[in-house]
Amino acid sequence: MKAGTIVIEVIENKKTQVKTLNKQCIIDSFNGIKNGFPHKNEIAEKLLEVLPDTETIIINRDRNDQHPEEPVIICKDSKGMEKIIKIINHHKIIWAIINGYCE
């Protein structure tokens, strides 16, 4: 993997799509949420803690569709360690950003 990038794997209908994105752009997006919503930014803060060491973000839409009450993303670092971040559906702005990166 190229330095300064994050791979996003989206699993949907048992198929995996892979996309490589600029890590700093993703970090900047969530910094904007953190700064723009200072009292409602728990998810952005969690993401900002793990994104610097993250190499791969896994979004399993099949799994999330089966568990709509508790959708997650998985952030995997260079050692293969996974951090599961629960992002409930009412975090519409966070999901909009994540889904935008998946396009």
Foldseek 3Di string as FASTA:
>chain_A
DDPQKAWEWEADPNDIDIDIDGLVVVLVVLVCVCVVPVVPNPLSVVCNVQSVQFRYKYFYVVVCVVVLQWGWIWTAGPVRDIDIDTDHPVVPVVVVVVVVVVD
